[in-house]
Amino acid sequence: CYTLKRTNRNDKCWICASRTRGCPGKLYTNLDATQVIRTGEHAEGCRVDAHAFHHQQQVNELKRLAAEDPRPVLEIYDELASNASTSLETAAYFPTWEQARNTMYYSRSKRYPRLPARLQDLRLTAEQTTTKSGAQFLMYHSPINDILIFATEDGVSLLAQSNCWCGDGTY
C-alpha cells in the first residue's frame, strides 16, 4: 500500500507504506491518481502487490462517495463498478461488494448522527421541522405518546377538502 508524499505540478508521488522498515519504494501517478506513470524499486523483503494501489484508490473513491452522495450505497457501488469494468486495466482490482459494503456504510455513518435508542431521546432541529421556504412542518410532537405529525398548513387544508384519503403504509 502507498501513502501520498507530495503533489507536484504534473504528478503525485506516493511512498511505500513499508518505508518505516526501510523500503524506498515509490509510485508516481497522474494528478487524478488514475494512471501509474512510473514506479521505484522496493526493498528485497517488501511484499508489494503492484495492483494494490488501484484497489486502494477505488476503495477511497467508494468511501468518499458513500459519505457525500445521498443515493443508496449499493447504487453508488454499482455505478462505480460499471465504470471500472470499462477499463480492463483496473476492472480486476475493483473491490467486490462484500469487500466494500462495510467500509461504505461506515463512511456514511460518520457523516450522519446516530439514531436515538428511544423516541423520547429524539431531538429535532429547526432544519428538520421547517420546510426550505421556512414554513412549519412539524405540526405535532408528543414524546410521551410516541406521536409525530409532519405536515404543512397548506397540506392539511388540501386534505380537508378531499373526500377520500389514501395511506401508503409507511407510517
Foldseek 3Di string as FASTA:
>chain_A
DWDWDDQDPFWTKTADPCVVVPWRKIWIGGPVQPGTDDIDDTDPPDDDDPLVSLLVVLLVVLLVCLQPPPDDSVVSLVVSLVVQVVDPVRNVSHDDCVVRVVSSVVSNPVNDDDDDPALLPDDDDLPRQADPVGFGFFPDDDSVVRDTHGHGPVRVVVVVPDPDDDDDPPD
